[in-house]
Amino acid sequence: PVTLHFAQYLEELLMFFEVELSQEDKEIEVIRDFTETHFEVEIDPEKLQQVLLNFLQNSAQAIEKTGFVRMALRQENGDAVIEIQDNGVGMDEETQNQLFKPFFTKKEQGSGLGMAIAKKIIDLHHGEIKLRSELQVGTLFEIRLKGVVHG
């Protein structure tokens, strides 16, 4: 793990994501909601990038034509909390319950491993993922990385 400025790290990730989005035939607004930006975290940057890009790409795929993907960042009791929210198609309860199980997918081209790997990486960061989703309203993922904040 390395210690780095978290808001700056997330900003670079979002800029990369926006380049990817520009290749899509959709109008998706990327919203940044970084309330606290002056703290550092101790993480594995490559592994966490894989996780966050997976969440962002899934959010973009859930949006049919136009919508938004919002990333929020805050600090709570030494934890870094990231929210990724979209106003896409949402998920039913069964999908939500199966989401992090290996080989579960609703995508024609999906392996069903992306979210299982994401959960494993968050677990390795001593973190947790919460999920709220409603059909035709959207999805909100909250990723809490425990005790990683410095400064």
C-alpha atoms as a PDB file:
ATOM      1  CA  PRO A   1       0.000   0.000   0.000  1.00  0.00           C
ATOM      2  CA  VAL A   2       1.019   3.588  -0.587  1.00  0.00           C
ATOM      3  CA  THR A   3      -0.163   6.854   0.947  1.00  0.00           C
ATOM      4  CA  LEU A   4      -1.569   9.374  -1.498  1.00  0.00           C
ATOM      5  CA  HIS A   5      -3.795  12.443  -1.787  1.00  0.00           C
ATOM      6  CA  PHE A   6      -7.185  10.800  -2.262  1.00  0.00           C
ATOM      7  CA  ALA A   7      -9.234  13.538  -3.943  1.00  0.00           C
ATOM      8  CA  GLN A   8      -6.485  14.055  -6.522  1.00  0.00           C
ATOM      9  CA  TYR A   9      -6.310  10.291  -7.137  1.00  0.00           C
ATOM     10  CA  LEU A  10     -10.095  10.151  -7.662  1.00  0.00           C
ATOM     11  CA  GLU A  11     -10.032  13.207  -9.930  1.00  0.00           C
ATOM     12  CA  GLU A  12      -7.471  11.528 -12.216  1.00  0.00           C
ATOM     13  CA  LEU A  13      -9.620   8.390 -12.240  1.00  0.00           C
ATOM     14  CA  LEU A  14     -12.723  10.404 -13.206  1.00  0.00           C
ATOM     15  CA  MET A  15     -10.848  12.173 -16.002  1.00  0.00           C
ATOM     16  CA  PHE A  16      -9.872   8.767 -17.425  1.00  0.00           C
ATOM     17  CA  PHE A  17     -13.505   7.603 -17.062  1.00  0.00           C
ATOM     18  CA  GLU A  18     -14.746  10.725 -18.906  1.00  0.00           C
ATOM     19  CA  VAL A  19     -12.444   9.922 -21.839  1.00  0.00           C
ATOM     20  CA  GLU A  20     -13.949   6.412 -21.932  1.00  0.00           C
ATOM     21  CA  LEU A  21     -17.459   7.897 -21.786  1.00  0.00           C
ATOM     22  CA  SER A  22     -16.772  10.171 -24.738  1.00  0.00           C
ATOM     23  CA  GLN A  23     -16.578   7.019 -26.895  1.00  0.00           C
ATOM     24  CA  GLU A  24     -20.135   6.056 -25.909  1.00  0.00           C
ATOM     25  CA  ASP A  25     -23.287   7.107 -27.727  1.00  0.00           C
ATOM     26  CA  LYS A  26     -24.838   8.436 -24.522  1.00  0.00           C
ATOM     27  CA  GLU A  27     -25.091  11.755 -22.748  1.00  0.00           C
ATOM     28  CA  ILE A  28     -23.825  11.105 -19.243  1.00  0.00           C
ATOM     29  CA  GLU A  29     -22.903  13.897 -16.874  1.00  0.00           C
ATOM     30  CA  VAL A  30     -20.139  13.085 -14.405  1.00  0.00           C
ATOM     31  CA  ILE A  31     -20.756  14.848 -11.096  1.00  0.00           C
ATOM     32  CA  ARG A  32     -18.048  15.333  -8.492  1.00  0.00           C
ATOM     33  CA  ASP A  33     -19.166  15.827  -4.919  1.00  0.00           C
ATOM     34  CA  PHE A  34     -15.959  15.993  -2.919  1.00  0.00           C
ATOM     35  CA  THR A  35     -16.807  17.660   0.401  1.00  0.00           C
ATOM     36  CA  GLU A  36     -13.437  17.089   2.049  1.00  0.00           C
ATOM     37  CA  THR A  37     -10.417  17.001  -0.183  1.00  0.00           C
ATOM     38  CA  HIS A  38      -7.452  17.543   2.141  1.00  0.00           C
ATOM     39  CA  PHE A  39      -6.606  14.091   3.364  1.00  0.00           C
ATOM     40  CA  GLU A  40      -4.402  11.196   2.394  1.00  0.00           C
ATOM     41  CA  VAL A  41      -5.206   7.499   2.385  1.00  0.00           C
ATOM     42  CA  GLU A  42      -3.166   4.331   2.492  1.00  0.00           C
ATOM     43  CA  ILE A  43      -4.362   2.048  -0.316  1.00  0.00           C
ATOM     44  CA  ASP A  44      -3.242  -0.156  -3.172  1.00  0.00           C
ATOM     45  CA  PRO A  45      -3.852   2.377  -5.982  1.00  0.00           C
ATOM     46  CA  GLU A  46      -3.909  -0.075  -8.900  1.00  0.00           C
ATOM     47  CA  LYS A  47      -6.300  -2.506  -7.232  1.00  0.00           C
ATOM     48  CA  LEU A  48      -8.614   0.246  -6.005  1.00  0.00           C
ATOM     49  CA  GLN A  49      -8.601   1.826  -9.475  1.00  0.00           C
ATOM     50  CA  GLN A  50      -9.788  -1.499 -10.899  1.00  0.00           C
ATOM     51  CA  VAL A  51     -12.671  -1.545  -8.384  1.00  0.00           C
ATOM     52  CA  LEU A  52     -13.772   2.052  -8.863  1.00  0.00           C
ATOM     53  CA  LEU A  53     -13.605   1.892 -12.671  1.00  0.00           C
ATOM     54  CA  ASN A  54     -15.704  -1.274 -12.530  1.00  0.00           C
ATOM     55  CA  PHE A  55     -18.379   0.544 -10.481  1.00  0.00           C
ATOM     56  CA  LEU A  56     -18.257   3.615 -12.748  1.00  0.00           C
ATOM     57  CA  GLN A  57     -18.496   1.528 -15.935  1.00  0.00           C
ATOM     58  CA  ASN A  58     -21.412  -0.460 -14.527  1.00  0.00           C
ATOM     59  CA  SER A  59     -23.169   2.798 -13.667  1.00  0.00           C
ATOM     60  CA  ALA A  60     -22.653   4.110 -17.203  1.00  0.00           C
ATOM     61  CA  GLN A  61     -23.937   0.841 -18.678  1.00  0.00           C
ATOM     62  CA  ALA A  62     -27.093   1.083 -16.540  1.00  0.00           C
ATOM     63  CA  ILE A  63     -27.971   4.420 -18.162  1.00  0.00           C
ATOM     64  CA  GLU A  64     -29.950   3.956 -21.343  1.00  0.00           C
ATOM     65  CA  LYS A  65     -29.415   7.287 -23.153  1.00  0.00           C
ATOM     66  CA  THR A  66     -28.993  10.272 -20.851  1.00  0.00           C
ATOM     67  CA  GLY A  67     -28.253  10.529 -17.174  1.00  0.00           C
ATOM     68  CA  PHE A  68     -25.615  11.102 -14.549  1.00  0.00           C
ATOM     69  CA  VAL A  69     -22.925   9.280 -12.643  1.00  0.00           C
ATOM     70  CA  ARG A  70     -22.005  10.944  -9.347  1.00  0.00           C
ATOM     71  CA  MET A  71     -18.934  10.279  -7.256  1.00  0.00           C
ATOM     72  CA  ALA A  72     -18.858  11.638  -3.729  1.00  0.00           C
ATOM     73  CA  LEU A  73     -15.989  11.585  -1.263  1.00  0.00           C
ATOM     74  CA  ARG A  74     -15.992  12.267   2.435  1.00  0.00           C
ATOM     75  CA  GLN A  75     -14.080  11.333   5.547  1.00  0.00           C
ATOM     76  CA  GLU A  76     -15.774   9.763   8.569  1.00  0.00           C
ATOM     77  CA  ASN A  77     -14.000   8.659  11.761  1.00  0.00           C
ATOM     78  CA  GLY A  78     -10.739   7.798  10.005  1.00  0.00           C
ATOM     79  CA  ASP A  79     -12.569   6.063   7.162  1.00  0.00           C
ATOM     80  CA  ALA A  80     -12.635   7.211   3.549  1.00  0.00           C
ATOM     81  CA  VAL A  81     -16.167   6.972   2.146  1.00  0.00           C
ATOM     82  CA  ILE A  82     -16.797   6.955  -1.600  1.00  0.00           C
ATOM     83  CA  GLU A  83     -20.263   6.959  -3.115  1.00  0.00           C
ATOM     84  CA  ILE A  84     -20.957   6.097  -6.723  1.00  0.00           C
ATOM     85  CA  GLN A  85     -24.508   6.832  -7.794  1.00  0.00           C
ATOM     86  CA  ASP A  86     -26.367   6.711 -11.091  1.00  0.00           C
ATOM     87  CA  ASN A  87     -29.887   7.260 -12.361  1.00  0.00           C
ATOM     88  CA  GLY A  88     -29.842   4.155 -14.525  1.00  0.00           C
ATOM     89  CA  VAL A  89     -32.247   1.236 -14.741  1.00  0.00           C
ATOM     90  CA  GLY A  90     -31.572   0.034 -11.180  1.00  0.00           C
ATOM     91  CA  MET A  91     -31.612  -3.531  -9.898  1.00  0.00           C
ATOM     92  CA  ASP A  92     -34.299  -5.770  -8.491  1.00  0.00           C
ATOM     93  CA  GLU A  93     -33.853  -7.376  -5.069  1.00  0.00           C
ATOM     94  CA  GLU A  94     -32.700 -10.720  -6.483  1.00  0.00           C
ATOM     95  CA  THR A  95     -29.944  -9.043  -8.522  1.00  0.00           C
ATOM     96  CA  GLN A  96     -28.833  -7.033  -5.495  1.00  0.00           C
ATOM     97  CA  ASN A  97     -28.612 -10.200  -3.381  1.00  0.00           C
ATOM     98  CA  GLN A  98     -26.561 -12.056  -6.036  1.00  0.00           C
ATOM     99  CA  LEU A  99     -24.415  -9.162  -7.231  1.00  0.00           C
ATOM    100  CA  PHE A 100     -21.156  -9.991  -5.455  1.00  0.00           C
ATOM    101  CA  LYS A 101     -21.298 -13.758  -6.042  1.00  0.00           C
ATOM    102  CA  PRO A 102     -18.762 -15.136  -8.544  1.00  0.00           C
ATOM    103  CA  PHE A 103     -20.115 -15.850 -12.039  1.00  0.00           C
ATOM    104  CA  PHE A 104     -23.397 -13.992 -11.460  1.00  0.00           C
ATOM    105  CA  THR A 105     -24.123 -11.695 -14.396  1.00  0.00           C
ATOM    106  CA  LYS A 106     -27.042 -10.148 -16.227  1.00  0.00           C
ATOM    107  CA  LYS A 107     -24.846  -9.086 -19.144  1.00  0.00           C
ATOM    108  CA  GLU A 108     -24.566 -11.045 -22.383  1.00  0.00           C
ATOM    109  CA  GLN A 109     -20.808 -10.478 -22.523  1.00  0.00           C
ATOM    110  CA  GLY A 110     -20.192 -10.545 -18.766  1.00  0.00           C
ATOM    111  CA  SER A 111     -18.056 -13.093 -16.919  1.00  0.00           C
ATOM    112  CA  GLY A 112     -19.758 -12.393 -13.602  1.00  0.00           C
ATOM    113  CA  LEU A 113     -16.405 -11.814 -11.950  1.00  0.00           C
ATOM    114  CA  GLY A 114     -16.105  -8.002 -11.901  1.00  0.00           C
ATOM    115  CA  MET A 115     -18.179  -7.364  -8.802  1.00  0.00           C
ATOM    116  CA  ALA A 116     -16.899 -10.471  -6.977  1.00  0.00           C
ATOM    117  CA  ILE A 117     -13.320  -9.283  -7.542  1.00  0.00           C
ATOM    118  CA  ALA A 118     -14.296  -5.740  -6.528  1.00  0.00           C
ATOM    119  CA  LYS A 119     -15.709  -7.022  -3.227  1.00  0.00           C
ATOM    120  CA  LYS A 120     -12.566  -9.089  -2.596  1.00  0.00           C
ATOM    121  CA  ILE A 121     -10.338  -6.032  -3.146  1.00  0.00           C
ATOM    122  CA  ILE A 122     -12.504  -3.901  -0.831  1.00  0.00           C
ATOM    123  CA  ASP A 123     -12.306  -6.686   1.781  1.00  0.00           C
ATOM    124  CA  LEU A 124      -8.498  -6.627   1.465  1.00  0.00           C
ATOM    125  CA  HIS A 125      -8.653  -2.894   2.253  1.00  0.00           C
ATOM    126  CA  HIS A 126     -10.691  -3.783   5.386  1.00  0.00           C
ATOM    127  CA  GLY A 127     -13.595  -2.045   3.766  1.00  0.00           C
ATOM    128  CA  GLU A 128     -17.242  -2.646   3.098  1.00  0.00           C
ATOM    129  CA  ILE A 129     -19.702  -2.016   0.313  1.00  0.00           C
ATOM    130  CA  LYS A 130     -23.321  -1.002   0.811  1.00  0.00           C
ATOM    131  CA  LEU A 131     -25.805  -1.003  -2.019  1.00  0.00           C
ATOM    132  CA  ARG A 132     -29.162   0.698  -2.519  1.00  0.00           C
ATOM    133  CA  SER A 133     -30.989   0.294  -5.782  1.00  0.00           C
ATOM    134  CA  GLU A 134     -34.461   0.835  -7.104  1.00  0.00           C
ATOM    135  CA  LEU A 135     -35.773  -0.188 -10.508  1.00  0.00           C
ATOM    136  CA  GLN A 136     -36.085   2.742 -12.945  1.00  0.00           C
ATOM    137  CA  VAL A 137     -34.617   5.099 -10.307  1.00  0.00           C
ATOM    138  CA  GLY A 138     -30.956   4.144 -10.043  1.00  0.00           C
ATOM    139  CA  THR A 139     -28.273   2.692  -7.827  1.00  0.00           C
ATOM    140  CA  LEU A 140     -26.031   3.966  -5.061  1.00  0.00           C
ATOM    141  CA  PHE A 141     -22.897   2.153  -3.935  1.00  0.00           C
ATOM    142  CA  GLU A 142     -21.165   3.256  -0.749  1.00  0.00           C
ATOM    143  CA  ILE A 143     -17.598   2.037  -0.384  1.00  0.00           C
ATOM    144  CA  ARG A 144     -16.096   2.528   3.057  1.00  0.00           C
ATOM    145  CA  LEU A 145     -12.348   2.015   3.465  1.00  0.00           C
ATOM    146  CA  LYS A 146     -11.714   1.605   7.178  1.00  0.00           C
ATOM    147  CA  GLY A 147      -8.950   3.404   9.010  1.00  0.00           C
ATOM    148  CA  VAL A 148      -7.039   4.441   5.886  1.00  0.00           C
ATOM    149  CA  VAL A 149      -7.112   8.215   6.382  1.00  0.00           C
ATOM    150  CA  HIS A 150      -3.972  10.116   7.392  1.00  0.00           C
ATOM    151  CA  GLY A 151      -3.589  13.804   8.113  1.00  0.00           C
END
